[in-house]
Amino acid sequence: MNTNNQISNPQTEVEKGIKQNDKDYLNSALSLLKEMEKNYVVALTEASNENLFSQYEKVFNDIKVLQREVFELAFCKGWYSLEKADGSKINEKYTMLNTEFNDLNM
């Protein structure tokens, strides 16, 4: 973990240049899986019957697990970092979402 607001692992070095390397392939796979997740969410909401919904849901869950595994691998290799959230920002966001939720239940 870095001392600034970034949470990351030591970066695994990859070959530089025009040829794709492991980092490029992993980033492409991650982008593809994220896009597939979004598309399956739409398909789930528009499924015309329970059987179709069930089939979509199974595939969506498999993609969701695979996407998480690919993200974890990229994070472990140091190719993906996260920003450490300030505690006050977290509380502010929680308060805002909680207020919106309560407004919905009125």
PDB file of N, CA and C in Angstrom:
ATOM      1  N   MET A   1       0.844  -1.176   0.000  1.00  0.00           N
ATOM      2  CA  MET A   1       0.000   0.000   0.000  1.00  0.00           C
ATOM      3  C   MET A   1       0.884   1.231   0.000  1.00  0.00           C
ATOM      4  N   ASN A   2       0.547   2.188  -0.811  1.00  0.00           N
ATOM      5  CA  ASN A   2       1.295   3.435  -0.878  1.00  0.00           C
ATOM      6  C   ASN A   2       0.916   4.341   0.295  1.00  0.00           C
ATOM      7  N   THR A   3       1.771   5.318   0.588  1.00  0.00           N
ATOM      8  CA  THR A   3       1.497   6.233   1.684  1.00  0.00           C
ATOM      9  C   THR A   3       0.494   7.315   1.290  1.00  0.00           C
ATOM     10  N   ASN A   4       0.287   7.543   0.001  1.00  0.00           N
ATOM     11  CA  ASN A   4      -0.711   8.524  -0.403  1.00  0.00           C
ATOM     12  C   ASN A   4      -2.094   7.883  -0.374  1.00  0.00           C
ATOM     13  N   ASN A   5      -3.028   8.400  -1.120  1.00  0.00           N
ATOM     14  CA  ASN A   5      -4.396   7.879  -1.097  1.00  0.00           C
ATOM     15  C   ASN A   5      -4.622   6.705  -2.038  1.00  0.00           C
ATOM     16  N   GLN A   6      -3.566   6.136  -2.579  1.00  0.00           N
ATOM     17  CA  GLN A   6      -3.686   4.999  -3.488  1.00  0.00           C
ATOM     18  C   GLN A   6      -3.481   3.684  -2.733  1.00  0.00           C
ATOM     19  N   ILE A   7      -4.310   2.720  -3.044  1.00  0.00           N
ATOM     20  CA  ILE A   7      -4.161   1.377  -2.509  1.00  0.00           C
ATOM     21  C   ILE A   7      -3.778   0.502  -3.688  1.00  0.00           C
ATOM     22  N   SER A   8      -2.577  -0.085  -3.641  1.00  0.00           N
ATOM     23  CA  SER A   8      -2.112  -0.888  -4.768  1.00  0.00           C
ATOM     24  C   SER A   8      -1.052  -1.874  -4.312  1.00  0.00           C
ATOM     25  N   ASN A   9      -0.709  -2.761  -5.199  1.00  0.00           N
ATOM     26  CA  ASN A   9       0.344  -3.743  -4.987  1.00  0.00           C
ATOM     27  C   ASN A   9       1.541  -3.368  -5.844  1.00  0.00           C
ATOM     28  N   PRO A  10       2.714  -3.928  -5.540  1.00  0.00           N
ATOM     29  CA  PRO A  10       3.869  -3.679  -6.416  1.00  0.00           C
ATOM     30  C   PRO A  10       3.536  -4.119  -7.845  1.00  0.00           C
ATOM     31  N   GLN A  11       3.907  -3.300  -8.792  1.00  0.00           N
ATOM     32  CA  GLN A  11       3.551  -3.559 -10.188  1.00  0.00           C
ATOM     33  C   GLN A  11       4.468  -4.604 -10.811  1.00  0.00           C
ATOM     34  N   THR A  12       3.864  -5.601 -11.446  1.00  0.00           N
ATOM     35  CA  THR A  12       4.598  -6.588 -12.213  1.00  0.00           C
ATOM     36  C   THR A  12       4.993  -5.948 -13.531  1.00  0.00           C
ATOM     37  N   GLU A  13       6.264  -5.965 -13.842  1.00  0.00           N
ATOM     38  CA  GLU A  13       6.745  -5.345 -15.074  1.00  0.00           C
ATOM     39  C   GLU A  13       6.358  -6.203 -16.276  1.00  0.00           C
ATOM     40  N   VAL A  14       6.018  -5.523 -17.358  1.00  0.00           N
ATOM     41  CA  VAL A  14       5.681  -6.205 -18.610  1.00  0.00           C
ATOM     42  C   VAL A  14       6.519  -5.606 -19.724  1.00  0.00           C
ATOM     43  N   GLU A  15       6.644  -6.352 -20.792  1.00  0.00           N
ATOM     44  CA  GLU A  15       7.419  -5.900 -21.947  1.00  0.00           C
ATOM     45  C   GLU A  15       6.767  -4.661 -22.550  1.00  0.00           C
ATOM     46  N   LYS A  16       7.558  -3.654 -22.818  1.00  0.00           N
ATOM     47  CA  LYS A  16       7.055  -2.425 -23.424  1.00  0.00           C
ATOM     48  C   LYS A  16       7.172  -2.540 -24.946  1.00  0.00           C
ATOM     49  N   GLY A  17       6.383  -1.747 -25.635  1.00  0.00           N
ATOM     50  CA  GLY A  17       6.454  -1.748 -27.090  1.00  0.00           C
ATOM     51  C   GLY A  17       5.085  -1.887 -27.714  1.00  0.00           C
ATOM     52  N   ILE A  18       5.088  -2.118 -29.012  1.00  0.00           N
ATOM     53  CA  ILE A  18       3.842  -2.157 -29.767  1.00  0.00           C
ATOM     54  C   ILE A  18       3.086  -3.483 -29.586  1.00  0.00           C
ATOM     55  N   LYS A  19       3.812  -4.536 -29.272  1.00  0.00           N
ATOM     56  CA  LYS A  19       3.172  -5.848 -29.087  1.00  0.00           C
ATOM     57  C   LYS A  19       2.373  -5.853 -27.791  1.00  0.00           C
ATOM     58  N   GLN A  20       1.232  -6.556 -27.822  1.00  0.00           N
ATOM     59  CA  GLN A  20       0.437  -6.667 -26.601  1.00  0.00           C
ATOM     60  C   GLN A  20       1.163  -7.532 -25.585  1.00  0.00           C
ATOM     61  N   ASN A  21       1.006  -7.181 -24.324  1.00  0.00           N
ATOM     62  CA  ASN A  21       1.619  -7.948 -23.253  1.00  0.00           C
ATOM     63  C   ASN A  21       0.525  -8.471 -22.321  1.00  0.00           C
ATOM     64  N   ASP A  22       0.920  -9.130 -21.252  1.00  0.00           N
ATOM     65  CA  ASP A  22      -0.056  -9.719 -20.331  1.00  0.00           C
ATOM     66  C   ASP A  22      -1.003  -8.672 -19.745  1.00  0.00           C
ATOM     67  N   LYS A  23      -0.472  -7.508 -19.429  1.00  0.00           N
ATOM     68  CA  LYS A  23      -1.302  -6.438 -18.875  1.00  0.00           C
ATOM     69  C   LYS A  23      -2.364  -6.008 -19.884  1.00  0.00           C
ATOM     70  N   ASP A  24      -1.978  -5.868 -21.140  1.00  0.00           N
ATOM     71  CA  ASP A  24      -2.931  -5.483 -22.189  1.00  0.00           C
ATOM     72  C   ASP A  24      -4.040  -6.517 -22.345  1.00  0.00           C
ATOM     73  N   TYR A  25      -3.658  -7.798 -22.370  1.00  0.00           N
ATOM     74  CA  TYR A  25      -4.651  -8.866 -22.507  1.00  0.00           C
ATOM     75  C   TYR A  25      -5.603  -8.886 -21.324  1.00  0.00           C
ATOM     76  N   LEU A  26      -5.057  -8.720 -20.128  1.00  0.00           N
ATOM     77  CA  LEU A  26      -5.891  -8.740 -18.932  1.00  0.00           C
ATOM     78  C   LEU A  26      -6.847  -7.546 -18.907  1.00  0.00           C
ATOM     79  N   ASN A  27      -6.353  -6.359 -19.278  1.00  0.00           N
ATOM     80  CA  ASN A  27      -7.213  -5.176 -19.337  1.00  0.00           C
ATOM     81  C   ASN A  27      -8.309  -5.335 -20.387  1.00  0.00           C
ATOM     82  N   SER A  28      -7.983  -5.943 -21.513  1.00  0.00           N
ATOM     83  CA  SER A  28      -8.996  -6.185 -22.554  1.00  0.00           C
ATOM     84  C   SER A  28     -10.066  -7.142 -22.048  1.00  0.00           C
ATOM     85  N   ALA A  29      -9.629  -8.199 -21.377  1.00  0.00           N
ATOM     86  CA  ALA A  29     -10.582  -9.177 -20.831  1.00  0.00           C
ATOM     87  C   ALA A  29     -11.472  -8.518 -19.783  1.00  0.00           C
ATOM     88  N   LEU A  30     -10.888  -7.699 -18.928  1.00  0.00           N
ATOM     89  CA  LEU A  30     -11.657  -7.021 -17.887  1.00  0.00           C
ATOM     90  C   LEU A  30     -12.693  -6.076 -18.493  1.00  0.00           C
ATOM     91  N   SER A  31     -12.293  -5.321 -19.497  1.00  0.00           N
ATOM     92  CA  SER A  31     -13.232  -4.408 -20.174  1.00  0.00           C
ATOM     93  C   SER A  31     -14.371  -5.178 -20.825  1.00  0.00           C
ATOM     94  N   LEU A  32     -14.031  -6.278 -21.487  1.00  0.00           N
ATOM     95  CA  LEU A  32     -15.046  -7.095 -22.138  1.00  0.00           C
ATOM     96  C   LEU A  32     -16.027  -7.666 -21.127  1.00  0.00           C
ATOM     97  N   LEU A  33     -15.519  -8.184 -20.019  1.00  0.00           N
ATOM     98  CA  LEU A  33     -16.389  -8.769 -18.997  1.00  0.00           C
ATOM     99  C   LEU A  33     -17.293  -7.716 -18.355  1.00  0.00           C
ATOM    100  N   LYS A  34     -16.778  -6.525 -18.130  1.00  0.00           N
ATOM    101  CA  LYS A  34     -17.602  -5.440 -17.579  1.00  0.00           C
ATOM    102  C   LYS A  34     -18.735  -5.093 -18.543  1.00  0.00           C
ATOM    103  N   GLU A  35     -18.420  -5.016 -19.814  1.00  0.00           N
ATOM    104  CA  GLU A  35     -19.435  -4.700 -20.823  1.00  0.00           C
ATOM    105  C   GLU A  35     -20.478  -5.814 -20.913  1.00  0.00           C
ATOM    106  N   MET A  36     -20.019  -7.056 -20.826  1.00  0.00           N
ATOM    107  CA  MET A  36     -20.950  -8.182 -20.856  1.00  0.00           C
ATOM    108  C   MET A  36     -21.889  -8.151 -19.651  1.00  0.00           C
ATOM    109  N   GLU A  37     -21.347  -7.810 -18.482  1.00  0.00           N
ATOM    110  CA  GLU A  37     -22.196  -7.691 -17.286  1.00  0.00           C
ATOM    111  C   GLU A  37     -23.302  -6.670 -17.508  1.00  0.00           C
ATOM    112  N   LYS A  38     -22.948  -5.507 -18.027  1.00  0.00           N
ATOM    113  CA  LYS A  38     -23.944  -4.461 -18.277  1.00  0.00           C
ATOM    114  C   LYS A  38     -25.023  -4.971 -19.232  1.00  0.00           C
ATOM    115  N   ASN A  39     -24.599  -5.637 -20.294  1.00  0.00           N
ATOM    116  CA  ASN A  39     -25.561  -6.127 -21.284  1.00  0.00           C
ATOM    117  C   ASN A  39     -26.476  -7.200 -20.705  1.00  0.00           C
ATOM    118  N   TYR A  40     -25.936  -8.050 -19.850  1.00  0.00           N
ATOM    119  CA  TYR A  40     -26.777  -9.085 -19.236  1.00  0.00           C
ATOM    120  C   TYR A  40     -27.760  -8.489 -18.238  1.00  0.00           C
ATOM    121  N   VAL A  41     -27.404  -7.399 -17.582  1.00  0.00           N
ATOM    122  CA  VAL A  41     -28.358  -6.731 -16.691  1.00  0.00           C
ATOM    123  C   VAL A  41     -29.557  -6.261 -17.501  1.00  0.00           C
ATOM    124  N   VAL A  42     -29.299  -5.688 -18.664  1.00  0.00           N
ATOM    125  CA  VAL A  42     -30.392  -5.251 -19.534  1.00  0.00           C
ATOM    126  C   VAL A  42     -31.212  -6.458 -19.978  1.00  0.00           C
ATOM    127  N   ALA A  43     -30.542  -7.523 -20.381  1.00  0.00           N
ATOM    128  CA  ALA A  43     -31.256  -8.728 -20.821  1.00  0.00           C
ATOM    129  C   ALA A  43     -32.117  -9.295 -19.689  1.00  0.00           C
ATOM    130  N   LEU A  44     -31.595  -9.278 -18.470  1.00  0.00           N
ATOM    131  CA  LEU A  44     -32.372  -9.780 -17.325  1.00  0.00           C
ATOM    132  C   LEU A  44     -33.639  -8.963 -17.109  1.00  0.00           C
ATOM    133  N   THR A  45     -33.529  -7.653 -17.219  1.00  0.00           N
ATOM    134  CA  THR A  45     -34.704  -6.811 -16.988  1.00  0.00           C
ATOM    135  C   THR A  45     -35.736  -6.928 -18.104  1.00  0.00           C
ATOM    136  N   GLU A  46     -35.291  -7.407 -19.265  1.00  0.00           N
ATOM    137  CA  GLU A  46     -36.207  -7.504 -20.401  1.00  0.00           C
ATOM    138  C   GLU A  46     -36.572  -8.935 -20.773  1.00  0.00           C
ATOM    139  N   ALA A  47     -36.187  -9.891 -19.940  1.00  0.00           N
ATOM    140  CA  ALA A  47     -36.493 -11.298 -20.238  1.00  0.00           C
ATOM    141  C   ALA A  47     -38.003 -11.498 -20.298  1.00  0.00           C
ATOM    142  N   SER A  48     -38.440 -12.219 -21.316  1.00  0.00           N
ATOM    143  CA  SER A  48     -39.877 -12.339 -21.553  1.00  0.00           C
ATOM    144  C   SER A  48     -40.563 -13.432 -20.738  1.00  0.00           C
ATOM    145  N   ASN A  49     -39.796 -14.349 -20.163  1.00  0.00           N
ATOM    146  CA  ASN A  49     -40.412 -15.376 -19.323  1.00  0.00           C
ATOM    147  C   ASN A  49     -39.412 -15.881 -18.283  1.00  0.00           C
ATOM    148  N   GLU A  50     -39.899 -16.653 -17.334  1.00  0.00           N
ATOM    149  CA  GLU A  50     -39.066 -17.117 -16.219  1.00  0.00           C
ATOM    150  C   GLU A  50     -37.920 -18.013 -16.668  1.00  0.00           C
ATOM    151  N   ASN A  51     -38.154 -18.899 -17.620  1.00  0.00           N
ATOM    152  CA  ASN A  51     -37.108 -19.796 -18.097  1.00  0.00           C
ATOM    153  C   ASN A  51     -35.956 -19.002 -18.726  1.00  0.00           C
ATOM    154  N   LEU A  52     -36.307 -18.054 -19.556  1.00  0.00           N
ATOM    155  CA  LEU A  52     -35.305 -17.205 -20.192  1.00  0.00           C
ATOM    156  C   LEU A  52     -34.552 -16.393 -19.132  1.00  0.00           C
ATOM    157  N   PHE A  53     -35.305 -15.840 -18.173  1.00  0.00           N
ATOM    158  CA  PHE A  53     -34.688 -15.079 -17.089  1.00  0.00           C
ATOM    159  C   PHE A  53     -33.697 -15.955 -16.327  1.00  0.00           C
ATOM    160  N   SER A  54     -34.074 -17.182 -16.030  1.00  0.00           N
ATOM    161  CA  SER A  54     -33.201 -18.116 -15.299  1.00  0.00           C
ATOM    162  C   SER A  54     -31.913 -18.395 -16.052  1.00  0.00           C
ATOM    163  N   GLN A  55     -32.019 -18.598 -17.354  1.00  0.00           N
ATOM    164  CA  GLN A  55     -30.832 -18.864 -18.161  1.00  0.00           C
ATOM    165  C   GLN A  55     -29.908 -17.647 -18.194  1.00  0.00           C
ATOM    166  N   TYR A  56     -30.484 -16.484 -18.392  1.00  0.00           N
ATOM    167  CA  TYR A  56     -29.692 -15.251 -18.380  1.00  0.00           C
ATOM    168  C   TYR A  56     -29.021 -15.042 -17.030  1.00  0.00           C
ATOM    169  N   GLU A  57     -29.748 -15.331 -15.976  1.00  0.00           N
ATOM    170  CA  GLU A  57     -29.225 -15.125 -14.624  1.00  0.00           C
ATOM    171  C   GLU A  57     -28.021 -16.029 -14.355  1.00  0.00           C
ATOM    172  N   LYS A  58     -28.091 -17.277 -14.818  1.00  0.00           N
ATOM    173  CA  LYS A  58     -26.957 -18.189 -14.634  1.00  0.00           C
ATOM    174  C   LYS A  58     -25.711 -17.670 -15.356  1.00  0.00           C
ATOM    175  N   VAL A  59     -25.888 -17.251 -16.595  1.00  0.00           N
ATOM    176  CA  VAL A  59     -24.759 -16.740 -17.367  1.00  0.00           C
ATOM    177  C   VAL A  59     -24.224 -15.457 -16.727  1.00  0.00           C
ATOM    178  N   PHE A  60     -25.131 -14.571 -16.302  1.00  0.00           N
ATOM    179  CA  PHE A  60     -24.725 -13.331 -15.650  1.00  0.00           C
ATOM    180  C   PHE A  60     -23.887 -13.620 -14.407  1.00  0.00           C
ATOM    181  N   ASN A  61     -24.324 -14.558 -13.586  1.00  0.00           N
ATOM    182  CA  ASN A  61     -23.582 -14.888 -12.367  1.00  0.00           C
ATOM    183  C   ASN A  61     -22.190 -15.439 -12.683  1.00  0.00           C
ATOM    184  N   ASP A  62     -22.096 -16.257 -13.722  1.00  0.00           N
ATOM    185  CA  ASP A  62     -20.777 -16.776 -14.132  1.00  0.00           C
ATOM    186  C   ASP A  62     -19.856 -15.641 -14.588  1.00  0.00           C
ATOM    187  N   ILE A  63     -20.399 -14.732 -15.377  1.00  0.00           N
ATOM    188  CA  ILE A  63     -19.615 -13.594 -15.864  1.00  0.00           C
ATOM    189  C   ILE A  63     -19.187 -12.708 -14.697  1.00  0.00           C
ATOM    190  N   LYS A  64     -20.101 -12.502 -13.754  1.00  0.00           N
ATOM    191  CA  LYS A  64     -19.809 -11.663 -12.589  1.00  0.00           C
ATOM    192  C   LYS A  64     -18.648 -12.237 -11.782  1.00  0.00           C
ATOM    193  N   VAL A  65     -18.644 -13.542 -11.567  1.00  0.00           N
ATOM    194  CA  VAL A  65     -17.563 -14.205 -10.824  1.00  0.00           C
ATOM    195  C   VAL A  65     -16.251 -14.100 -11.602  1.00  0.00           C
ATOM    196  N   LEU A  66     -16.304 -14.359 -12.887  1.00  0.00           N
ATOM    197  CA  LEU A  66     -15.102 -14.287 -13.716  1.00  0.00           C
ATOM    198  C   LEU A  66     -14.536 -12.863 -13.756  1.00  0.00           C
ATOM    199  N   GLN A  67     -15.412 -11.873 -13.872  1.00  0.00           N
ATOM    200  CA  GLN A  67     -14.962 -10.483 -13.885  1.00  0.00           C
ATOM    201  C   GLN A  67     -14.248 -10.147 -12.593  1.00  0.00           C
ATOM    202  N   ARG A  68     -14.778 -10.608 -11.473  1.00  0.00           N
ATOM    203  CA  ARG A  68     -14.154 -10.331 -10.174  1.00  0.00           C
ATOM    204  C   ARG A  68     -12.787 -11.009 -10.076  1.00  0.00           C
ATOM    205  N   GLU A  69     -12.681 -12.233 -10.580  1.00  0.00           N
ATOM    206  CA  GLU A  69     -11.402 -12.950 -10.558  1.00  0.00           C
ATOM    207  C   GLU A  69     -10.353 -12.234 -11.415  1.00  0.00           C
ATOM    208  N   VAL A  70     -10.761 -11.742 -12.575  1.00  0.00           N
ATOM    209  CA  VAL A  70      -9.836 -11.025 -13.458  1.00  0.00           C
ATOM    210  C   VAL A  70      -9.405  -9.712 -12.800  1.00  0.00           C
ATOM    211  N   PHE A  71     -10.356  -9.002 -12.178  1.00  0.00           N
ATOM    212  CA  PHE A  71     -10.010  -7.774 -11.466  1.00  0.00           C
ATOM    213  C   PHE A  71      -9.004  -8.068 -10.350  1.00  0.00           C
ATOM    214  N   GLU A  72      -9.258  -9.105  -9.556  1.00  0.00           N
ATOM    215  CA  GLU A  72      -8.364  -9.460  -8.449  1.00  0.00           C
ATOM    216  C   GLU A  72      -6.956  -9.773  -8.969  1.00  0.00           C
ATOM    217  N   LEU A  73      -6.866 -10.461 -10.092  1.00  0.00           N
ATOM    218  CA  LEU A  73      -5.568 -10.777 -10.678  1.00  0.00           C
ATOM    219  C   LEU A  73      -4.845  -9.489 -11.094  1.00  0.00           C
ATOM    220  N   ALA A  74      -5.565  -8.591 -11.761  1.00  0.00           N
ATOM    221  CA  ALA A  74      -4.969  -7.316 -12.183  1.00  0.00           C
ATOM    222  C   ALA A  74      -4.529  -6.507 -10.959  1.00  0.00           C
ATOM    223  N   PHE A  75      -5.325  -6.512  -9.913  1.00  0.00           N
ATOM    224  CA  PHE A  75      -4.978  -5.783  -8.691  1.00  0.00           C
ATOM    225  C   PHE A  75      -3.739  -6.392  -8.034  1.00  0.00           C
ATOM    226  N   CYS A  76      -3.683  -7.718  -7.956  1.00  0.00           N
ATOM    227  CA  CYS A  76      -2.523  -8.395  -7.362  1.00  0.00           C
ATOM    228  C   CYS A  76      -1.242  -8.128  -8.142  1.00  0.00           C
ATOM    229  N   LYS A  77      -1.360  -7.988  -9.456  1.00  0.00           N
ATOM    230  CA  LYS A  77      -0.191  -7.712 -10.300  1.00  0.00           C
ATOM    231  C   LYS A  77       0.230  -6.245 -10.226  1.00  0.00           C
ATOM    232  N   GLY A  78      -0.583  -5.421  -9.545  1.00  0.00           N
ATOM    233  CA  GLY A  78      -0.260  -4.011  -9.431  1.00  0.00           C
ATOM    234  C   GLY A  78      -0.669  -3.200 -10.641  1.00  0.00           C
ATOM    235  N   TRP A  79      -1.507  -3.757 -11.487  1.00  0.00           N
ATOM    236  CA  TRP A  79      -1.934  -3.080 -12.702  1.00  0.00           C
ATOM    237  C   TRP A  79      -3.232  -2.311 -12.512  1.00  0.00           C
ATOM    238  N   TYR A  80      -3.768  -2.361 -11.323  1.00  0.00           N
ATOM    239  CA  TYR A  80      -5.008  -1.681 -11.005  1.00  0.00           C
ATOM    240  C   TYR A  80      -4.859  -1.157  -9.591  1.00  0.00           C
ATOM    241  N   SER A  81      -5.171   0.101  -9.368  1.00  0.00           N
ATOM    242  CA  SER A  81      -5.086   0.643  -8.016  1.00  0.00           C
ATOM    243  C   SER A  81      -6.420   1.284  -7.645  1.00  0.00           C
ATOM    244  N   LEU A  82      -6.620   1.445  -6.379  1.00  0.00           N
ATOM    245  CA  LEU A  82      -7.846   2.035  -5.858  1.00  0.00           C
ATOM    246  C   LEU A  82      -7.490   3.291  -5.085  1.00  0.00           C
ATOM    247  N   GLU A  83      -8.435   4.194  -4.994  1.00  0.00           N
ATOM    248  CA  GLU A  83      -8.219   5.402  -4.206  1.00  0.00           C
ATOM    249  C   GLU A  83      -8.832   5.212  -2.836  1.00  0.00           C
ATOM    250  N   LYS A  84      -8.061   5.520  -1.822  1.00  0.00           N
ATOM    251  CA  LYS A  84      -8.528   5.419  -0.455  1.00  0.00           C
ATOM    252  C   LYS A  84      -9.528   6.544  -0.206  1.00  0.00           C
ATOM    253  N   ALA A  85     -10.716   6.192   0.247  1.00  0.00           N
ATOM    254  CA  ALA A  85     -11.749   7.190   0.477  1.00  0.00           C
ATOM    255  C   ALA A  85     -11.583   7.839   1.847  1.00  0.00           C
ATOM    256  N   ASP A  86     -11.779   9.120   1.877  1.00  0.00           N
ATOM    257  CA  ASP A  86     -11.752   9.878   3.120  1.00  0.00           C
ATOM    258  C   ASP A  86     -13.007   9.520   3.926  1.00  0.00           C
ATOM    259  N   GLY A  87     -12.851   9.347   5.231  1.00  0.00           N
ATOM    260  CA  GLY A  87     -13.972   8.959   6.096  1.00  0.00           C
ATOM    261  C   GLY A  87     -15.141   9.914   6.019  1.00  0.00           C
ATOM    262  N   SER A  88     -14.872  11.194   5.924  1.00  0.00           N
ATOM    263  CA  SER A  88     -15.971  12.166   5.862  1.00  0.00           C
ATOM    264  C   SER A  88     -16.735  12.045   4.543  1.00  0.00           C
ATOM    265  N   LYS A  89     -16.029  11.725   3.452  1.00  0.00           N
ATOM    266  CA  LYS A  89     -16.703  11.531   2.158  1.00  0.00           C
ATOM    267  C   LYS A  89     -17.620  10.307   2.206  1.00  0.00           C
ATOM    268  N   ILE A  90     -17.160   9.264   2.878  1.00  0.00           N
ATOM    269  CA  ILE A  90     -17.981   8.058   3.010  1.00  0.00           C
ATOM    270  C   ILE A  90     -19.248   8.382   3.801  1.00  0.00           C
ATOM    271  N   ASN A  91     -19.098   9.085   4.919  1.00  0.00           N
ATOM    272  CA  ASN A  91     -20.258   9.454   5.735  1.00  0.00           C
ATOM    273  C   ASN A  91     -21.209  10.367   4.976  1.00  0.00           C
ATOM    274  N   GLU A  92     -20.652  11.305   4.219  1.00  0.00           N
ATOM    275  CA  GLU A  92     -21.469  12.220   3.423  1.00  0.00           C
ATOM    276  C   GLU A  92     -22.283  11.454   2.384  1.00  0.00           C
ATOM    277  N   LYS A  93     -21.644  10.517   1.700  1.00  0.00           N
ATOM    278  CA  LYS A  93     -22.341   9.718   0.683  1.00  0.00           C
ATOM    279  C   LYS A  93     -23.410   8.845   1.325  1.00  0.00           C
ATOM    280  N   TYR A  94     -23.084   8.243   2.464  1.00  0.00           N
ATOM    281  CA  TYR A  94     -24.047   7.403   3.180  1.00  0.00           C
ATOM    282  C   TYR A  94     -25.275   8.222   3.570  1.00  0.00           C
ATOM    283  N   THR A  95     -25.056   9.406   4.112  1.00  0.00           N
ATOM    284  CA  THR A  95     -26.165  10.273   4.527  1.00  0.00           C
ATOM    285  C   THR A  95     -27.040  10.633   3.332  1.00  0.00           C
ATOM    286  N   MET A  96     -26.410  10.981   2.217  1.00  0.00           N
ATOM    287  CA  MET A  96     -27.163  11.354   1.026  1.00  0.00           C
ATOM    288  C   MET A  96     -28.019  10.180   0.526  1.00  0.00           C
ATOM    289  N   LEU A  97     -27.398   9.001   0.433  1.00  0.00           N
ATOM    290  CA  LEU A  97     -28.139   7.830  -0.061  1.00  0.00           C
ATOM    291  C   LEU A  97     -29.236   7.417   0.908  1.00  0.00           C
ATOM    292  N   ASN A  98     -28.957   7.516   2.192  1.00  0.00           N
ATOM    293  CA  ASN A  98     -29.964   7.163   3.199  1.00  0.00           C
ATOM    294  C   ASN A  98     -31.152   8.115   3.137  1.00  0.00           C
ATOM    295  N   THR A  99     -30.891   9.397   2.930  1.00  0.00           N
ATOM    296  CA  THR A  99     -31.959  10.392   2.782  1.00  0.00           C
ATOM    297  C   THR A  99     -32.807  10.092   1.552  1.00  0.00           C
ATOM    298  N   GLU A 100     -32.136   9.784   0.436  1.00  0.00           N
ATOM    299  CA  GLU A 100     -32.879   9.447  -0.785  1.00  0.00           C
ATOM    300  C   GLU A 100     -33.726   8.190  -0.595  1.00  0.00           C
ATOM    301  N   PHE A 101     -33.167   7.212   0.097  1.00  0.00           N
ATOM    302  CA  PHE A 101     -33.899   5.977   0.363  1.00  0.00           C
ATOM    303  C   PHE A 101     -35.136   6.266   1.221  1.00  0.00           C
ATOM    304  N   ASN A 102     -34.959   7.053   2.266  1.00  0.00           N
ATOM    305  CA  ASN A 102     -36.083   7.395   3.140  1.00  0.00           C
ATOM    306  C   ASN A 102     -37.145   8.191   2.400  1.00  0.00           C
ATOM    307  N   ASP A 103     -36.718   9.063   1.475  1.00  0.00           N
ATOM    308  CA  ASP A 103     -37.664   9.821   0.660  1.00  0.00           C
ATOM    309  C   ASP A 103     -38.515   8.904  -0.209  1.00  0.00           C
ATOM    310  N   LEU A 104     -37.933   7.815  -0.670  1.00  0.00           N
ATOM    311  CA  LEU A 104     -38.664   6.856  -1.498  1.00  0.00           C
ATOM    312  C   LEU A 104     -39.738   6.129  -0.694  1.00  0.00           C
ATOM    313  N   ASN A 105     -39.502   5.951   0.576  1.00  0.00           N
ATOM    314  CA  ASN A 105     -40.426   5.192   1.429  1.00  0.00           C
ATOM    315  C   ASN A 105     -41.503   6.042   2.078  1.00  0.00           C
ATOM    316  N   MET A 106     -41.592   7.308   1.709  1.00  0.00           N
ATOM    317  CA  MET A 106     -42.628   8.192   2.293  1.00  0.00           C
ATOM    318  C   MET A 106     -43.945   7.989   1.634  1.00  0.00           C
TER     319      MET A 106
END
